Amino acid sequence: MFLFFIGIFFLFFKFRRFIFVVVSFEFLMMGVFYLFSFFFGFFSFFYFLCFSVFCSMMGVVLMVYFIKFYGSDYVFF
């Protein structure tokens, strides 16, 4: 639960740069993983592992895209 709150605070206070958004999503994912593994055991381990790897790889791809075409990693929303 602690990682989930760190991810929420990180997302709310550091939303200007895309790298911080990606890191906060990873903290949220780890918090949800620990929460669900406590309730459901390690039944959903591979689901969350695959989803977090996919999310982090998409974050890296978008980060490279932003830096290549816009010159910075500022978030535009």
PDB file of N, CA and C in Angstrom:
ATOM      1  N   MET A   1       0.820  -1.189   0.000  1.00  0.00           N
ATOM      2  CA  MET A   1       0.000   0.000   0.000  1.00  0.00           C
ATOM      3  C   MET A   1       0.867   1.256   0.000  1.00  0.00           C
ATOM      4  N   PHE A   2       2.034   1.141   0.617  1.00  0.00           N
ATOM      5  CA  PHE A   2       2.952   2.275   0.674  1.00  0.00           C
ATOM      6  C   PHE A   2       3.433   2.666  -0.723  1.00  0.00           C
ATOM      7  N   LEU A   3       3.742   1.677  -1.568  1.00  0.00           N
ATOM      8  CA  LEU A   3       4.183   1.963  -2.932  1.00  0.00           C
ATOM      9  C   LEU A   3       3.075   2.599  -3.753  1.00  0.00           C
ATOM     10  N   PHE A   4       1.843   2.206  -3.492  1.00  0.00           N
ATOM     11  CA  PHE A   4       0.708   2.786  -4.207  1.00  0.00           C
ATOM     12  C   PHE A   4       0.577   4.272  -3.888  1.00  0.00           C
ATOM     13  N   PHE A   5       0.702   4.634  -2.619  1.00  0.00           N
ATOM     14  CA  PHE A   5       0.608   6.045  -2.235  1.00  0.00           C
ATOM     15  C   PHE A   5       1.797   6.853  -2.750  1.00  0.00           C
ATOM     16  N   ILE A   6       2.970   6.257  -2.769  1.00  0.00           N
ATOM     17  CA  ILE A   6       4.126   6.947  -3.343  1.00  0.00           C
ATOM     18  C   ILE A   6       3.895   7.215  -4.826  1.00  0.00           C
ATOM     19  N   GLY A   7       3.339   6.242  -5.535  1.00  0.00           N
ATOM     20  CA  GLY A   7       3.041   6.423  -6.952  1.00  0.00           C
ATOM     21  C   GLY A   7       2.013   7.509  -7.193  1.00  0.00           C
ATOM     22  N   ILE A   8       0.976   7.571  -6.360  1.00  0.00           N
ATOM     23  CA  ILE A   8      -0.048   8.615  -6.498  1.00  0.00           C
ATOM     24  C   ILE A   8       0.548   9.993  -6.244  1.00  0.00           C
ATOM     25  N   PHE A   9       1.308  10.135  -5.166  1.00  0.00           N
ATOM     26  CA  PHE A   9       1.920  11.430  -4.865  1.00  0.00           C
ATOM     27  C   PHE A   9       2.930  11.831  -5.937  1.00  0.00           C
ATOM     28  N   PHE A  10       3.688  10.881  -6.417  1.00  0.00           N
ATOM     29  CA  PHE A  10       4.667  11.155  -7.463  1.00  0.00           C
ATOM     30  C   PHE A  10       3.963  11.598  -8.735  1.00  0.00           C
ATOM     31  N   LEU A  11       2.824  10.989  -9.044  1.00  0.00           N
ATOM     32  CA  LEU A  11       2.073  11.357 -10.241  1.00  0.00           C
ATOM     33  C   LEU A  11       1.462  12.741 -10.113  1.00  0.00           C
ATOM     34  N   PHE A  12       0.956  13.094  -8.947  1.00  0.00           N
ATOM     35  CA  PHE A  12       0.321  14.397  -8.768  1.00  0.00           C
ATOM     36  C   PHE A  12       1.317  15.548  -8.687  1.00  0.00           C
ATOM     37  N   PHE A  13       2.467  15.317  -8.085  1.00  0.00           N
ATOM     38  CA  PHE A  13       3.393  16.420  -7.867  1.00  0.00           C
ATOM     39  C   PHE A  13       4.503  16.518  -8.907  1.00  0.00           C
ATOM     40  N   LYS A  14       4.729  15.485  -9.669  1.00  0.00           N
ATOM     41  CA  LYS A  14       5.808  15.485 -10.662  1.00  0.00           C
ATOM     42  C   LYS A  14       5.280  15.101 -12.043  1.00  0.00           C
ATOM     43  N   PHE A  15       4.172  15.682 -12.472  1.00  0.00           N
ATOM     44  CA  PHE A  15       3.563  15.272 -13.728  1.00  0.00           C
ATOM     45  C   PHE A  15       4.078  16.041 -14.938  1.00  0.00           C
ATOM     46  N   ARG A  16       5.008  16.952 -14.765  1.00  0.00           N
ATOM     47  CA  ARG A  16       5.497  17.765 -15.876  1.00  0.00           C
ATOM     48  C   ARG A  16       6.391  16.987 -16.844  1.00  0.00           C
ATOM     49  N   ARG A  17       7.216  16.118 -16.325  1.00  0.00           N
ATOM     50  CA  ARG A  17       8.132  15.362 -17.179  1.00  0.00           C
ATOM     51  C   ARG A  17       7.636  13.924 -17.339  1.00  0.00           C
ATOM     52  N   PHE A  18       7.808  13.413 -18.543  1.00  0.00           N
ATOM     53  CA  PHE A  18       7.268  12.103 -18.871  1.00  0.00           C
ATOM     54  C   PHE A  18       7.969  10.980 -18.118  1.00  0.00           C
ATOM     55  N   ILE A  19       9.250  11.135 -17.839  1.00  0.00           N
ATOM     56  CA  ILE A  19       9.975  10.083 -17.119  1.00  0.00           C
ATOM     57  C   ILE A  19       9.404   9.905 -15.720  1.00  0.00           C
ATOM     58  N   PHE A  20       8.976  10.986 -15.085  1.00  0.00           N
ATOM     59  CA  PHE A  20       8.381  10.881 -13.755  1.00  0.00           C
ATOM     60  C   PHE A  20       7.008  10.219 -13.814  1.00  0.00           C
ATOM     61  N   VAL A  21       6.270  10.451 -14.894  1.00  0.00           N
ATOM     62  CA  VAL A  21       4.969   9.797 -15.063  1.00  0.00           C
ATOM     63  C   VAL A  21       5.158   8.292 -15.225  1.00  0.00           C
ATOM     64  N   VAL A  22       6.144   7.891 -16.009  1.00  0.00           N
ATOM     65  CA  VAL A  22       6.410   6.465 -16.216  1.00  0.00           C
ATOM     66  C   VAL A  22       6.847   5.797 -14.913  1.00  0.00           C
ATOM     67  N   VAL A  23       7.711   6.461 -14.156  1.00  0.00           N
ATOM     68  CA  VAL A  23       8.168   5.900 -12.883  1.00  0.00           C
ATOM     69  C   VAL A  23       7.014   5.806 -11.889  1.00  0.00           C
ATOM     70  N   SER A  24       6.129   6.798 -11.881  1.00  0.00           N
ATOM     71  CA  SER A  24       4.979   6.733 -10.970  1.00  0.00           C
ATOM     72  C   SER A  24       4.034   5.604 -11.354  1.00  0.00           C
ATOM     73  N   PHE A  25       3.864   5.341 -12.653  1.00  0.00           N
ATOM     74  CA  PHE A  25       3.047   4.200 -13.063  1.00  0.00           C
ATOM     75  C   PHE A  25       3.679   2.880 -12.637  1.00  0.00           C
ATOM     76  N   GLU A  26       4.995   2.814 -12.650  1.00  0.00           N
ATOM     77  CA  GLU A  26       5.661   1.603 -12.175  1.00  0.00           C
ATOM     78  C   GLU A  26       5.455   1.417 -10.674  1.00  0.00           C
ATOM     79  N   PHE A  27       5.514   2.503  -9.903  1.00  0.00           N
ATOM     80  CA  PHE A  27       5.233   2.404  -8.471  1.00  0.00           C
ATOM     81  C   PHE A  27       3.786   1.975  -8.231  1.00  0.00           C
ATOM     82  N   LEU A  28       2.853   2.515  -9.009  1.00  0.00           N
ATOM     83  CA  LEU A  28       1.450   2.103  -8.879  1.00  0.00           C
ATOM     84  C   LEU A  28       1.287   0.623  -9.206  1.00  0.00           C
ATOM     85  N   MET A  29       1.981   0.174 -10.237  1.00  0.00           N
ATOM     86  CA  MET A  29       1.875  -1.224 -10.629  1.00  0.00           C
ATOM     87  C   MET A  29       2.438  -2.147  -9.557  1.00  0.00           C
ATOM     88  N   MET A  30       3.554  -1.770  -8.956  1.00  0.00           N
ATOM     89  CA  MET A  30       4.123  -2.590  -7.886  1.00  0.00           C
ATOM     90  C   MET A  30       3.224  -2.591  -6.653  1.00  0.00           C
ATOM     91  N   GLY A  31       2.595  -1.459  -6.360  1.00  0.00           N
ATOM     92  CA  GLY A  31       1.666  -1.408  -5.233  1.00  0.00           C
ATOM     93  C   GLY A  31       0.455  -2.295  -5.449  1.00  0.00           C
ATOM     94  N   VAL A  32      -0.091  -2.271  -6.660  1.00  0.00           N
ATOM     95  CA  VAL A  32      -1.235  -3.129  -6.974  1.00  0.00           C
ATOM     96  C   VAL A  32      -0.812  -4.596  -6.967  1.00  0.00           C
ATOM     97  N   PHE A  33       0.390  -4.881  -7.446  1.00  0.00           N
ATOM     98  CA  PHE A  33       0.884  -6.254  -7.427  1.00  0.00           C
ATOM     99  C   PHE A  33       0.996  -6.780  -5.998  1.00  0.00           C
ATOM    100  N   TYR A  34       1.571  -5.997  -5.093  1.00  0.00           N
ATOM    101  CA  TYR A  34       1.688  -6.436  -3.697  1.00  0.00           C
ATOM    102  C   TYR A  34       0.324  -6.575  -3.041  1.00  0.00           C
ATOM    103  N   LEU A  35      -0.590  -5.679  -3.365  1.00  0.00           N
ATOM    104  CA  LEU A  35      -1.935  -5.748  -2.798  1.00  0.00           C
ATOM    105  C   LEU A  35      -2.665  -7.003  -3.276  1.00  0.00           C
ATOM    106  N   PHE A  36      -2.629  -7.274  -4.576  1.00  0.00           N
ATOM    107  CA  PHE A  36      -3.315  -8.446  -5.104  1.00  0.00           C
ATOM    108  C   PHE A  36      -2.631  -9.745  -4.696  1.00  0.00           C
ATOM    109  N   SER A  37      -1.306  -9.735  -4.568  1.00  0.00           N
ATOM    110  CA  SER A  37      -0.641 -10.965  -4.139  1.00  0.00           C
ATOM    111  C   SER A  37      -0.958 -11.272  -2.681  1.00  0.00           C
ATOM    112  N   PHE A  38      -1.248 -10.256  -1.905  1.00  0.00           N
ATOM    113  CA  PHE A  38      -1.656 -10.483  -0.518  1.00  0.00           C
ATOM    114  C   PHE A  38      -3.044 -11.116  -0.464  1.00  0.00           C
ATOM    115  N   PHE A  39      -3.963 -10.657  -1.321  1.00  0.00           N
ATOM    116  CA  PHE A  39      -5.331 -11.173  -1.300  1.00  0.00           C
ATOM    117  C   PHE A  39      -5.495 -12.465  -2.095  1.00  0.00           C
ATOM    118  N   PHE A  40      -4.876 -12.555  -3.261  1.00  0.00           N
ATOM    119  CA  PHE A  40      -5.095 -13.692  -4.148  1.00  0.00           C
ATOM    120  C   PHE A  40      -3.928 -14.665  -4.196  1.00  0.00           C
ATOM    121  N   GLY A  41      -2.923 -14.465  -3.406  1.00  0.00           N
ATOM    122  CA  GLY A  41      -1.724 -15.287  -3.506  1.00  0.00           C
ATOM    123  C   GLY A  41      -0.922 -14.851  -4.722  1.00  0.00           C
ATOM    124  N   PHE A  42      -0.121 -15.746  -5.232  1.00  0.00           N
ATOM    125  CA  PHE A  42       0.666 -15.409  -6.409  1.00  0.00           C
ATOM    126  C   PHE A  42       0.003 -15.913  -7.688  1.00  0.00           C
ATOM    127  N   PHE A  43      -1.309 -15.959  -7.683  1.00  0.00           N
ATOM    128  CA  PHE A  43      -2.056 -16.415  -8.853  1.00  0.00           C
ATOM    129  C   PHE A  43      -1.904 -15.435 -10.016  1.00  0.00           C
ATOM    130  N   SER A  44      -1.920 -14.153  -9.722  1.00  0.00           N
ATOM    131  CA  SER A  44      -1.864 -13.137 -10.775  1.00  0.00           C
ATOM    132  C   SER A  44      -0.453 -12.616 -11.011  1.00  0.00           C
ATOM    133  N   PHE A  45       0.558 -13.370 -10.595  1.00  0.00           N
ATOM    134  CA  PHE A  45       1.944 -12.923 -10.707  1.00  0.00           C
ATOM    135  C   PHE A  45       2.350 -12.691 -12.158  1.00  0.00           C
ATOM    136  N   PHE A  46       2.101 -13.652 -13.033  1.00  0.00           N
ATOM    137  CA  PHE A  46       2.541 -13.532 -14.418  1.00  0.00           C
ATOM    138  C   PHE A  46       1.758 -12.471 -15.172  1.00  0.00           C
ATOM    139  N   TYR A  47       0.498 -12.285 -14.837  1.00  0.00           N
ATOM    140  CA  TYR A  47      -0.291 -11.232 -15.473  1.00  0.00           C
ATOM    141  C   TYR A  47       0.311  -9.867 -15.176  1.00  0.00           C
ATOM    142  N   PHE A  48       0.566  -9.585 -13.924  1.00  0.00           N
ATOM    143  CA  PHE A  48       1.120  -8.286 -13.564  1.00  0.00           C
ATOM    144  C   PHE A  48       2.563  -8.135 -14.021  1.00  0.00           C
ATOM    145  N   LEU A  49       3.306  -9.207 -14.053  1.00  0.00           N
ATOM    146  CA  LEU A  49       4.676  -9.141 -14.542  1.00  0.00           C
ATOM    147  C   LEU A  49       4.697  -8.775 -16.025  1.00  0.00           C
ATOM    148  N   CYS A  50       3.870  -9.426 -16.825  1.00  0.00           N
ATOM    149  CA  CYS A  50       3.802  -9.119 -18.256  1.00  0.00           C
ATOM    150  C   CYS A  50       3.270  -7.714 -18.498  1.00  0.00           C
ATOM    151  N   PHE A  51       2.270  -7.316 -17.746  1.00  0.00           N
ATOM    152  CA  PHE A  51       1.704  -5.987 -17.935  1.00  0.00           C
ATOM    153  C   PHE A  51       2.688  -4.897 -17.531  1.00  0.00           C
ATOM    154  N   SER A  52       3.427  -5.095 -16.461  1.00  0.00           N
ATOM    155  CA  SER A  52       4.384  -4.071 -16.042  1.00  0.00           C
ATOM    156  C   SER A  52       5.559  -3.978 -17.009  1.00  0.00           C
ATOM    157  N   VAL A  53       6.003  -5.099 -17.566  1.00  0.00           N
ATOM    158  CA  VAL A  53       7.067  -5.062 -18.571  1.00  0.00           C
ATOM    159  C   VAL A  53       6.575  -4.359 -19.827  1.00  0.00           C
ATOM    160  N   PHE A  54       5.360  -4.642 -20.246  1.00  0.00           N
ATOM    161  CA  PHE A  54       4.791  -3.972 -21.416  1.00  0.00           C
ATOM    162  C   PHE A  54       4.655  -2.475 -21.172  1.00  0.00           C
ATOM    163  N   CYS A  55       4.190  -2.098 -19.997  1.00  0.00           N
ATOM    164  CA  CYS A  55       4.016  -0.684 -19.663  1.00  0.00           C
ATOM    165  C   CYS A  55       5.356   0.039 -19.632  1.00  0.00           C
ATOM    166  N   SER A  56       6.358  -0.576 -19.077  1.00  0.00           N
ATOM    167  CA  SER A  56       7.666   0.079 -19.010  1.00  0.00           C
ATOM    168  C   SER A  56       8.303   0.187 -20.396  1.00  0.00           C
ATOM    169  N   MET A  57       8.134  -0.815 -21.233  1.00  0.00           N
ATOM    170  CA  MET A  57       8.688  -0.740 -22.586  1.00  0.00           C
ATOM    171  C   MET A  57       7.975   0.312 -23.428  1.00  0.00           C
ATOM    172  N   MET A  58       6.669   0.427 -23.279  1.00  0.00           N
ATOM    173  CA  MET A  58       5.949   1.480 -23.995  1.00  0.00           C
ATOM    174  C   MET A  58       6.357   2.857 -23.488  1.00  0.00           C
ATOM    175  N   GLY A  59       6.629   2.961 -22.209  1.00  0.00           N
ATOM    176  CA  GLY A  59       7.114   4.225 -21.662  1.00  0.00           C
ATOM    177  C   GLY A  59       8.466   4.614 -22.231  1.00  0.00           C
ATOM    178  N   VAL A  60       9.355   3.645 -22.374  1.00  0.00           N
ATOM    179  CA  VAL A  60      10.675   3.924 -22.946  1.00  0.00           C
ATOM    180  C   VAL A  60      10.549   4.315 -24.410  1.00  0.00           C
ATOM    181  N   VAL A  61       9.692   3.632 -25.154  1.00  0.00           N
ATOM    182  CA  VAL A  61       9.487   3.963 -26.565  1.00  0.00           C
ATOM    183  C   VAL A  61       8.911   5.366 -26.706  1.00  0.00           C
ATOM    184  N   LEU A  62       7.920   5.709 -25.896  1.00  0.00           N
ATOM    185  CA  LEU A  62       7.355   7.058 -25.957  1.00  0.00           C
ATOM    186  C   LEU A  62       8.358   8.117 -25.520  1.00  0.00           C
ATOM    187  N   MET A  63       9.193   7.795 -24.563  1.00  0.00           N
ATOM    188  CA  MET A  63      10.220   8.731 -24.114  1.00  0.00           C
ATOM    189  C   MET A  63      11.205   9.033 -25.239  1.00  0.00           C
ATOM    190  N   VAL A  64      11.656   7.997 -25.941  1.00  0.00           N
ATOM    191  CA  VAL A  64      12.564   8.194 -27.074  1.00  0.00           C
ATOM    192  C   VAL A  64      11.873   8.991 -28.167  1.00  0.00           C
ATOM    193  N   TYR A  65      10.601   8.713 -28.423  1.00  0.00           N
ATOM    194  CA  TYR A  65       9.837   9.451 -29.429  1.00  0.00           C
ATOM    195  C   TYR A  65       9.730  10.928 -29.061  1.00  0.00           C
ATOM    196  N   PHE A  66       9.398  11.227 -27.811  1.00  0.00           N
ATOM    197  CA  PHE A  66       9.275  12.623 -27.381  1.00  0.00           C
ATOM    198  C   PHE A  66      10.600  13.364 -27.513  1.00  0.00           C
ATOM    199  N   ILE A  67      11.666  12.740 -27.104  1.00  0.00           N
ATOM    200  CA  ILE A  67      12.964  13.415 -27.161  1.00  0.00           C
ATOM    201  C   ILE A  67      13.417  13.591 -28.607  1.00  0.00           C
ATOM    202  N   LYS A  68      13.126  12.622 -29.457  1.00  0.00           N
ATOM    203  CA  LYS A  68      13.554  12.720 -30.851  1.00  0.00           C
ATOM    204  C   LYS A  68      12.776  13.785 -31.616  1.00  0.00           C
ATOM    205  N   PHE A  69      11.462  13.838 -31.440  1.00  0.00           N
ATOM    206  CA  PHE A  69      10.659  14.737 -32.252  1.00  0.00           C
ATOM    207  C   PHE A  69      10.350  16.075 -31.585  1.00  0.00           C
ATOM    208  N   TYR A  70      10.338  16.140 -30.265  1.00  0.00           N
ATOM    209  CA  TYR A  70      10.021  17.389 -29.579  1.00  0.00           C
ATOM    210  C   TYR A  70      11.225  18.003 -28.877  1.00  0.00           C
ATOM    211  N   GLY A  71      12.275  17.258 -28.669  1.00  0.00           N
ATOM    212  CA  GLY A  71      13.476  17.792 -28.065  1.00  0.00           C
ATOM    213  C   GLY A  71      13.501  17.758 -26.555  1.00  0.00           C
ATOM    214  N   SER A  72      12.416  17.379 -25.921  1.00  0.00           N
ATOM    215  CA  SER A  72      12.389  17.285 -24.458  1.00  0.00           C
ATOM    216  C   SER A  72      11.362  16.239 -24.056  1.00  0.00           C
ATOM    217  N   ASP A  73      11.302  15.961 -22.766  1.00  0.00           N
ATOM    218  CA  ASP A  73      10.340  14.974 -22.281  1.00  0.00           C
ATOM    219  C   ASP A  73       9.207  15.626 -21.501  1.00  0.00           C
ATOM    220  N   TYR A  74       8.913  16.884 -21.810  1.00  0.00           N
ATOM    221  CA  TYR A  74       7.786  17.542 -21.154  1.00  0.00           C
ATOM    222  C   TYR A  74       6.474  16.929 -21.624  1.00  0.00           C
ATOM    223  N   VAL A  75       5.541  16.821 -20.709  1.00  0.00           N
ATOM    224  CA  VAL A  75       4.233  16.253 -21.018  1.00  0.00           C
ATOM    225  C   VAL A  75       3.339  17.376 -21.536  1.00  0.00           C
ATOM    226  N   PHE A  76       2.588  17.113 -22.593  1.00  0.00           N
ATOM    227  CA  PHE A  76       1.789  18.143 -23.246  1.00  0.00           C
ATOM    228  C   PHE A  76       0.299  18.015 -22.984  1.00  0.00           C
ATOM    229  N   PHE A  77      -0.112  17.521 -21.822  1.00  0.00           N
ATOM    230  CA  PHE A  77      -1.537  17.463 -21.530  1.00  0.00           C
ATOM    231  C   PHE A  77      -1.852  18.205 -20.277  1.00  0.00           C
TER     232      PHE A  77
END
